[in-house]
C-alpha atoms as a PDB file:
ATOM      1  CA  UNK A   1      -3.024  43.207 -12.114  1.00  0.00           C
ATOM      2  CA  UNK A   2      -4.597  40.182 -13.834  1.00  0.00           C
ATOM      3  CA  UNK A   3      -5.457  37.193 -11.711  1.00  0.00           C
ATOM      4  CA  UNK A   4      -3.346  34.103 -12.209  1.00  0.00           C
ATOM      5  CA  UNK A   5      -5.268  31.521 -14.242  1.00  0.00           C
ATOM      6  CA  UNK A   6      -5.550  27.962 -12.948  1.00  0.00           C
ATOM      7  CA  UNK A   7      -6.964  25.051 -14.971  1.00  0.00           C
ATOM      8  CA  UNK A   8      -8.179  22.063 -12.939  1.00  0.00           C
ATOM      9  CA  UNK A   9      -8.519  18.755 -14.840  1.00  0.00           C
ATOM     10  CA  UNK A  10     -10.133  16.409 -12.305  1.00  0.00           C
ATOM     11  CA  UNK A  11     -13.004  13.942 -12.755  1.00  0.00           C
ATOM     12  CA  UNK A  12     -13.684  13.399  -9.019  1.00  0.00           C
ATOM     13  CA  UNK A  13     -16.355  16.012  -8.262  1.00  0.00           C
ATOM     14  CA  UNK A  14     -15.504  16.245  -4.553  1.00  0.00           C
ATOM     15  CA  UNK A  15     -11.804  16.789  -5.211  1.00  0.00           C
ATOM     16  CA  UNK A  16     -12.553  19.265  -7.999  1.00  0.00           C
ATOM     17  CA  UNK A  17     -14.852  21.282  -5.712  1.00  0.00           C
ATOM     18  CA  UNK A  18     -12.190  21.371  -2.992  1.00  0.00           C
ATOM     19  CA  UNK A  19      -9.558  22.554  -5.456  1.00  0.00           C
ATOM     20  CA  UNK A  20     -11.827  25.192  -6.976  1.00  0.00           C
ATOM     21  CA  UNK A  21     -12.995  26.508  -3.590  1.00  0.00           C
ATOM     22  CA  UNK A  22      -9.579  26.904  -1.978  1.00  0.00           C
ATOM     23  CA  UNK A  23      -7.981  28.372  -5.091  1.00  0.00           C
ATOM     24  CA  UNK A  24     -10.764  30.905  -5.625  1.00  0.00           C
ATOM     25  CA  UNK A  25     -10.456  31.917  -1.977  1.00  0.00           C
ATOM     26  CA  UNK A  26      -6.742  32.415  -2.574  1.00  0.00           C
ATOM     27  CA  UNK A  27      -7.599  34.896  -5.322  1.00  0.00           C
ATOM     28  CA  UNK A  28      -7.055  32.878  -8.485  1.00  0.00           C
ATOM     29  CA  UNK A  29      -9.208  32.586 -11.602  1.00  0.00           C
ATOM     30  CA  UNK A  30     -10.289  28.968 -12.086  1.00  0.00           C
ATOM     31  CA  UNK A  31     -11.602  26.745 -14.892  1.00  0.00           C
ATOM     32  CA  UNK A  32     -12.594  23.146 -14.153  1.00  0.00           C
ATOM     33  CA  UNK A  33     -13.157  20.130 -16.367  1.00  0.00           C
ATOM     34  CA  UNK A  34     -13.348  16.382 -15.744  1.00  0.00           C
ATOM     35  CA  UNK A  35     -12.224  15.466 -19.263  1.00  0.00           C
ATOM     36  CA  UNK A  36      -8.682  15.166 -20.527  1.00  0.00           C
ATOM     37  CA  UNK A  37      -9.701  16.049 -24.087  1.00  0.00           C
ATOM     38  CA  UNK A  38     -11.588  19.146 -22.947  1.00  0.00           C
ATOM     39  CA  UNK A  39      -8.692  20.015 -20.672  1.00  0.00           C
ATOM     40  CA  UNK A  40      -6.317  20.119 -23.643  1.00  0.00           C
ATOM     41  CA  UNK A  41      -8.754  22.342 -25.562  1.00  0.00           C
ATOM     42  CA  UNK A  42      -9.106  24.671 -22.568  1.00  0.00           C
ATOM     43  CA  UNK A  43      -5.356  24.839 -22.108  1.00  0.00           C
ATOM     44  CA  UNK A  44      -5.065  26.037 -25.695  1.00  0.00           C
ATOM     45  CA  UNK A  45      -7.743  28.740 -25.393  1.00  0.00           C
ATOM     46  CA  UNK A  46      -7.572  29.710 -21.702  1.00  0.00           C
ATOM     47  CA  UNK A  47      -3.746  29.910 -21.511  1.00  0.00           C
ATOM     48  CA  UNK A  48      -3.496  28.907 -17.830  1.00  0.00           C
ATOM     49  CA  UNK A  49      -0.512  29.738 -15.676  1.00  0.00           C
ATOM     50  CA  UNK A  50      -0.886  26.454 -13.775  1.00  0.00           C
ATOM     51  CA  UNK A  51      -2.650  23.181 -14.623  1.00  0.00           C
ATOM     52  CA  UNK A  52      -3.687  20.862 -11.796  1.00  0.00           C
ATOM     53  CA  UNK A  53      -3.938  17.508 -13.514  1.00  0.00           C
ATOM     54  CA  UNK A  54      -5.392  14.257 -12.191  1.00  0.00           C
ATOM     55  CA  UNK A  55      -3.638  11.104 -13.407  1.00  0.00           C
ATOM     56  CA  UNK A  56      -6.779   8.935 -13.532  1.00  0.00           C
ATOM     57  CA  UNK A  57      -9.051  10.610 -16.077  1.00  0.00           C
ATOM     58  CA  UNK A  58     -11.949   8.740 -17.737  1.00  0.00           C
ATOM     59  CA  UNK A  59     -11.143   9.469 -21.385  1.00  0.00           C
ATOM     60  CA  UNK A  60      -7.391  10.088 -21.725  1.00  0.00           C
ATOM     61  CA  UNK A  61      -4.621   9.099 -19.343  1.00  0.00           C
ATOM     62  CA  UNK A  62      -3.449  12.043 -17.287  1.00  0.00           C
ATOM     63  CA  UNK A  63       0.097  11.021 -18.208  1.00  0.00           C
ATOM     64  CA  UNK A  64      -0.715  11.473 -21.897  1.00  0.00           C
ATOM     65  CA  UNK A  65      -2.340  14.825 -21.154  1.00  0.00           C
ATOM     66  CA  UNK A  66       0.794  15.825 -19.246  1.00  0.00           C
ATOM     67  CA  UNK A  67       2.989  14.955 -22.224  1.00  0.00           C
ATOM     68  CA  UNK A  68       0.798  17.008 -24.579  1.00  0.00           C
ATOM     69  CA  UNK A  69       0.736  19.981 -22.232  1.00  0.00           C
ATOM     70  CA  UNK A  70       4.483  19.978 -21.650  1.00  0.00           C
ATOM     71  CA  UNK A  71       5.109  19.900 -25.411  1.00  0.00           C
ATOM     72  CA  UNK A  72       2.585  22.584 -26.352  1.00  0.00           C
ATOM     73  CA  UNK A  73       2.291  25.035 -23.452  1.00  0.00           C
ATOM     74  CA  UNK A  74       4.467  27.016 -21.083  1.00  0.00           C
ATOM     75  CA  UNK A  75       2.333  26.452 -17.989  1.00  0.00           C
ATOM     76  CA  UNK A  76       3.341  24.761 -14.771  1.00  0.00           C
ATOM     77  CA  UNK A  77       1.852  21.289 -14.276  1.00  0.00           C
ATOM     78  CA  UNK A  78       0.929  19.888 -10.859  1.00  0.00           C
ATOM     79  CA  UNK A  79      -0.024  16.220 -11.129  1.00  0.00           C
ATOM     80  CA  UNK A  80      -2.518  14.746  -8.665  1.00  0.00           C
ATOM     81  CA  UNK A  81      -2.777  11.028  -7.943  1.00  0.00           C
ATOM     82  CA  UNK A  82      -3.681   8.479  -5.327  1.00  0.00           C
ATOM     83  CA  UNK A  83      -0.365   6.704  -5.986  1.00  0.00           C
ATOM     84  CA  UNK A  84       2.601   7.609  -3.804  1.00  0.00           C
ATOM     85  CA  UNK A  85       5.192   5.116  -5.099  1.00  0.00           C
ATOM     86  CA  UNK A  86       8.429   6.830  -6.111  1.00  0.00           C
ATOM     87  CA  UNK A  87       8.403   5.260  -9.591  1.00  0.00           C
ATOM     88  CA  UNK A  88       4.948   6.726 -10.257  1.00  0.00           C
ATOM     89  CA  UNK A  89       6.127  10.149  -9.114  1.00  0.00           C
ATOM     90  CA  UNK A  90       9.257   9.925 -11.249  1.00  0.00           C
ATOM     91  CA  UNK A  91       7.195   8.870 -14.266  1.00  0.00           C
ATOM     92  CA  UNK A  92       4.946  11.912 -13.966  1.00  0.00           C
ATOM     93  CA  UNK A  93       7.868  14.276 -13.450  1.00  0.00           C
ATOM     94  CA  UNK A  94       9.765  12.661 -16.292  1.00  0.00           C
ATOM     95  CA  UNK A  95       6.884  13.427 -18.666  1.00  0.00           C
ATOM     96  CA  UNK A  96       7.082  17.138 -17.915  1.00  0.00           C
ATOM     97  CA  UNK A  97       5.160  17.701 -14.688  1.00  0.00           C
ATOM     98  CA  UNK A  98       6.705  20.318 -12.417  1.00  0.00           C
ATOM     99  CA  UNK A  99       5.445  18.837  -9.158  1.00  0.00           C
ATOM    100  CA  UNK A 100       3.358  15.953  -7.829  1.00  0.00           C
ATOM    101  CA  UNK A 101       0.839  15.792  -4.998  1.00  0.00           C
ATOM    102  CA  UNK A 102      -0.859  12.649  -3.678  1.00  0.00           C
ATOM    103  CA  UNK A 103      -4.407  12.261  -2.394  1.00  0.00           C
ATOM    104  CA  UNK A 104      -5.586  13.038   0.185  1.00  0.00           C
ATOM    105  CA  UNK A 105      -4.094  16.514   0.502  1.00  0.00           C
ATOM    106  CA  UNK A 106      -5.117  19.669   2.327  1.00  0.00           C
ATOM    107  CA  UNK A 107      -6.338  22.835   0.690  1.00  0.00           C
ATOM    108  CA  UNK A 108      -3.468  24.734   2.288  1.00  0.00           C
ATOM    109  CA  UNK A 109      -0.909  22.402   0.740  1.00  0.00           C
ATOM    110  CA  UNK A 110      -2.475  22.830  -2.701  1.00  0.00           C
ATOM    111  CA  UNK A 111      -2.470  26.621  -2.450  1.00  0.00           C
ATOM    112  CA  UNK A 112       1.153  26.566  -1.261  1.00  0.00           C
ATOM    113  CA  UNK A 113       2.233  24.480  -4.269  1.00  0.00           C
ATOM    114  CA  UNK A 114       0.455  26.827  -6.705  1.00  0.00           C
ATOM    115  CA  UNK A 115       1.886  29.918  -4.985  1.00  0.00           C
ATOM    116  CA  UNK A 116       5.370  28.398  -5.297  1.00  0.00           C
ATOM    117  CA  UNK A 117       4.911  28.040  -9.077  1.00  0.00           C
ATOM    118  CA  UNK A 118       3.775  31.635  -9.423  1.00  0.00           C
ATOM    119  CA  UNK A 119       6.693  32.973  -7.374  1.00  0.00           C
ATOM    120  CA  UNK A 120       9.011  31.054  -9.655  1.00  0.00           C
ATOM    121  CA  UNK A 121       7.287  32.524 -12.721  1.00  0.00           C
ATOM    122  CA  UNK A 122       7.732  36.036 -11.329  1.00  0.00           C
ATOM    123  CA  UNK A 123      11.429  35.478 -10.747  1.00  0.00           C
ATOM    124  CA  UNK A 124      11.806  34.116 -14.278  1.00  0.00           C
ATOM    125  CA  UNK A 125       9.960  37.109 -15.747  1.00  0.00           C
ATOM    126  CA  UNK A 126      12.259  39.515 -13.929  1.00  0.00           C
ATOM    127  CA  UNK A 127      15.297  37.771 -15.376  1.00  0.00           C
ATOM    128  CA  UNK A 128      13.869  37.765 -18.895  1.00  0.00           C
ATOM    129  CA  UNK A 129      14.136  41.461 -19.580  1.00  0.00           C
ATOM    130  CA  UNK A 130      16.943  41.903 -22.085  1.00  0.00           C
ATOM    131  CA  UNK A 131      18.025  38.277 -21.779  1.00  0.00           C
ATOM    132  CA  UNK A 132      15.959  36.121 -24.135  1.00  0.00           C
ATOM    133  CA  UNK A 133      18.976  34.526 -25.793  1.00  0.00           C
ATOM    134  CA  UNK A 134      21.654  32.509 -24.012  1.00  0.00           C
ATOM    135  CA  UNK A 135      24.707  31.802 -26.168  1.00  0.00           C
ATOM    136  CA  UNK A 136      26.368  28.442 -25.627  1.00  0.00           C
ATOM    137  CA  UNK A 137      29.353  28.541 -27.926  1.00  0.00           C
ATOM    138  CA  UNK A 138      28.108  27.729 -31.435  1.00  0.00           C
ATOM    139  CA  UNK A 139      24.612  27.001 -30.075  1.00  0.00           C
ATOM    140  CA  UNK A 140      22.062  29.138 -28.299  1.00  0.00           C
ATOM    141  CA  UNK A 141      18.852  28.937 -26.314  1.00  0.00           C
ATOM    142  CA  UNK A 142      15.893  31.074 -27.387  1.00  0.00           C
ATOM    143  CA  UNK A 143      13.587  31.848 -24.480  1.00  0.00           C
ATOM    144  CA  UNK A 144      10.796  33.202 -26.696  1.00  0.00           C
ATOM    145  CA  UNK A 145      10.400  29.880 -28.506  1.00  0.00           C
ATOM    146  CA  UNK A 146      11.794  27.444 -25.925  1.00  0.00           C
ATOM    147  CA  UNK A 147      14.223  26.068 -28.472  1.00  0.00           C
ATOM    148  CA  UNK A 148      17.831  24.973 -28.706  1.00  0.00           C
ATOM    149  CA  UNK A 149      19.409  26.143 -31.958  1.00  0.00           C
ATOM    150  CA  UNK A 150      22.624  24.896 -33.510  1.00  0.00           C
ATOM    151  CA  UNK A 151      23.587  25.628 -37.108  1.00  0.00           C
ATOM    152  CA  UNK A 152      20.489  24.819 -39.212  1.00  0.00           C
ATOM    153  CA  UNK A 153      18.899  22.603 -36.536  1.00  0.00           C
ATOM    154  CA  UNK A 154      16.251  23.763 -34.097  1.00  0.00           C
ATOM    155  CA  UNK A 155      15.026  21.479 -31.309  1.00  0.00           C
ATOM    156  CA  UNK A 156      11.962  22.259 -29.210  1.00  0.00           C
ATOM    157  CA  UNK A 157      12.267  21.806 -25.443  1.00  0.00           C
ATOM    158  CA  UNK A 158       9.567  21.377 -22.845  1.00  0.00           C
ATOM    159  CA  UNK A 159       9.208  24.234 -20.378  1.00  0.00           C
ATOM    160  CA  UNK A 160      10.996  22.241 -17.695  1.00  0.00           C
ATOM    161  CA  UNK A 161      13.766  21.024 -20.009  1.00  0.00           C
ATOM    162  CA  UNK A 162      14.329  24.604 -21.105  1.00  0.00           C
ATOM    163  CA  UNK A 163      14.617  25.931 -17.540  1.00  0.00           C
ATOM    164  CA  UNK A 164      17.044  23.138 -16.659  1.00  0.00           C
ATOM    165  CA  UNK A 165      19.280  23.643 -19.692  1.00  0.00           C
ATOM    166  CA  UNK A 166      19.232  27.424 -19.228  1.00  0.00           C
ATOM    167  CA  UNK A 167      20.336  27.025 -15.592  1.00  0.00           C
ATOM    168  CA  UNK A 168      23.121  24.641 -16.590  1.00  0.00           C
ATOM    169  CA  UNK A 169      24.093  26.987 -19.434  1.00  0.00           C
ATOM    170  CA  UNK A 170      24.314  30.036 -17.191  1.00  0.00           C
ATOM    171  CA  UNK A 171      26.743  28.095 -15.010  1.00  0.00           C
ATOM    172  CA  UNK A 172      28.643  26.596 -17.961  1.00  0.00           C
ATOM    173  CA  UNK A 173      31.724  24.717 -16.805  1.00  0.00           C
ATOM    174  CA  UNK A 174      30.686  24.850 -13.156  1.00  0.00           C
ATOM    175  CA  UNK A 175      29.397  21.855 -11.208  1.00  0.00           C
ATOM    176  CA  UNK A 176      25.848  22.198  -9.901  1.00  0.00           C
ATOM    177  CA  UNK A 177      24.577  19.889  -7.200  1.00  0.00           C
ATOM    178  CA  UNK A 178      21.215  18.167  -7.510  1.00  0.00           C
ATOM    179  CA  UNK A 179      20.014  20.240  -4.565  1.00  0.00           C
ATOM    180  CA  UNK A 180      20.969  23.468  -6.344  1.00  0.00           C
ATOM    181  CA  UNK A 181      19.197  22.306  -9.490  1.00  0.00           C
ATOM    182  CA  UNK A 182      16.043  21.329  -7.597  1.00  0.00           C
ATOM    183  CA  UNK A 183      15.968  24.636  -5.744  1.00  0.00           C
ATOM    184  CA  UNK A 184      16.406  26.734  -8.882  1.00  0.00           C
ATOM    185  CA  UNK A 185      14.490  24.732 -11.505  1.00  0.00           C
ATOM    186  CA  UNK A 186      11.813  23.105  -9.346  1.00  0.00           C
ATOM    187  CA  UNK A 187      11.922  25.647  -6.501  1.00  0.00           C
ATOM    188  CA  UNK A 188      11.935  22.683  -4.126  1.00  0.00           C
ATOM    189  CA  UNK A 189      14.629  20.758  -2.258  1.00  0.00           C
ATOM    190  CA  UNK A 190      12.397  18.428  -0.263  1.00  0.00           C
ATOM    191  CA  UNK A 191       9.192  17.450  -2.082  1.00  0.00           C
ATOM    192  CA  UNK A 192      10.740  16.350  -5.385  1.00  0.00           C
ATOM    193  CA  UNK A 193      12.952  13.216  -5.499  1.00  0.00           C
ATOM    194  CA  UNK A 194      16.529  14.031  -6.517  1.00  0.00           C
ATOM    195  CA  UNK A 195      16.368  11.247  -9.116  1.00  0.00           C
ATOM    196  CA  UNK A 196      13.981  13.339 -11.187  1.00  0.00           C
ATOM    197  CA  UNK A 197      16.963  15.534 -12.096  1.00  0.00           C
ATOM    198  CA  UNK A 198      18.604  12.462 -13.634  1.00  0.00           C
ATOM    199  CA  UNK A 199      15.457  11.749 -15.671  1.00  0.00           C
ATOM    200  CA  UNK A 200      15.433  15.221 -17.193  1.00  0.00           C
ATOM    201  CA  UNK A 201      19.190  15.300 -17.773  1.00  0.00           C
ATOM    202  CA  UNK A 202      18.816  12.061 -19.772  1.00  0.00           C
ATOM    203  CA  UNK A 203      16.093  13.701 -21.881  1.00  0.00           C
ATOM    204  CA  UNK A 204      18.257  16.782 -22.433  1.00  0.00           C
ATOM    205  CA  UNK A 205      21.208  14.697 -23.560  1.00  0.00           C
ATOM    206  CA  UNK A 206      18.998  13.223 -26.288  1.00  0.00           C
ATOM    207  CA  UNK A 207      17.918  16.726 -27.355  1.00  0.00           C
ATOM    208  CA  UNK A 208      21.550  17.894 -27.515  1.00  0.00           C
ATOM    209  CA  UNK A 209      22.375  14.911 -29.712  1.00  0.00           C
ATOM    210  CA  UNK A 210      19.320  15.631 -31.887  1.00  0.00           C
ATOM    211  CA  UNK A 211      20.563  19.178 -32.464  1.00  0.00           C
ATOM    212  CA  UNK A 212      24.126  17.899 -32.986  1.00  0.00           C
ATOM    213  CA  UNK A 213      25.124  20.613 -30.512  1.00  0.00           C
ATOM    214  CA  UNK A 214      28.783  20.514 -29.356  1.00  0.00           C
ATOM    215  CA  UNK A 215      27.672  20.476 -25.735  1.00  0.00           C
ATOM    216  CA  UNK A 216      27.885  17.780 -23.086  1.00  0.00           C
ATOM    217  CA  UNK A 217      26.155  17.431 -19.734  1.00  0.00           C
ATOM    218  CA  UNK A 218      28.831  15.802 -17.605  1.00  0.00           C
ATOM    219  CA  UNK A 219      27.885  13.998 -14.420  1.00  0.00           C
ATOM    220  CA  UNK A 220      29.845  13.801 -11.195  1.00  0.00           C
ATOM    221  CA  UNK A 221      28.698  10.705  -9.380  1.00  0.00           C
ATOM    222  CA  UNK A 222      26.800  11.404  -6.198  1.00  0.00           C
ATOM    223  CA  UNK A 223      27.002  15.182  -6.615  1.00  0.00           C
ATOM    224  CA  UNK A 224      25.429  16.663  -9.732  1.00  0.00           C
ATOM    225  CA  UNK A 225      25.968  17.920 -13.276  1.00  0.00           C
ATOM    226  CA  UNK A 226      28.016  20.370 -15.329  1.00  0.00           C
ATOM    227  CA  UNK A 227      27.478  21.671 -18.879  1.00  0.00           C
ATOM    228  CA  UNK A 228      30.677  21.613 -20.960  1.00  0.00           C
ATOM    229  CA  UNK A 229      31.551  22.504 -24.550  1.00  0.00           C
ATOM    230  CA  UNK A 230      32.958  19.582 -26.503  1.00  0.00           C
END
């Protein structure tokens, strides 16, 4: 069985060494770079399963790297930063990161976060077999291309947007709580702020409008969301 591939984009040598050491001990294959530009090139050629991405890079903002990765790859993104303010966390998650960890952190915590991503990937892979298309009335989701298709319009979704819309689509017409969404889409009900669900729902509503899809993500105040046909 191939080792899971982890790409570390971190310009602090001490932090990068810690991340590389603990992840290699955990049995993962690692590539490390301190450059955002090189990180994007490596992501394209190395095809990592997980990217551990520092926000404060010397050449390109980690937030910009996160946006590029979420639009061009299907990897999980763990953002690393010295900032712990909720608005900073929400910004990173809103740009497509799957999780957020603040410095200083322990090696055990890092390994646990990565392992959580890979468990989620395994569960997703098991569900994929024979189910790459999800029909949503006159629209459909295509898992192979991470797209929403309606009539002659095709809209690309980030990996996280796709997982969220697929989960809502599978439960079409049924209310899902924020906790249920966090547990299924983020595999976390404690470390990720519930408001991040709202951020991604807002992005999905724009994508639905872009595709002119007859679908609506309805909100129930204080509880969660439901996908309805118009």
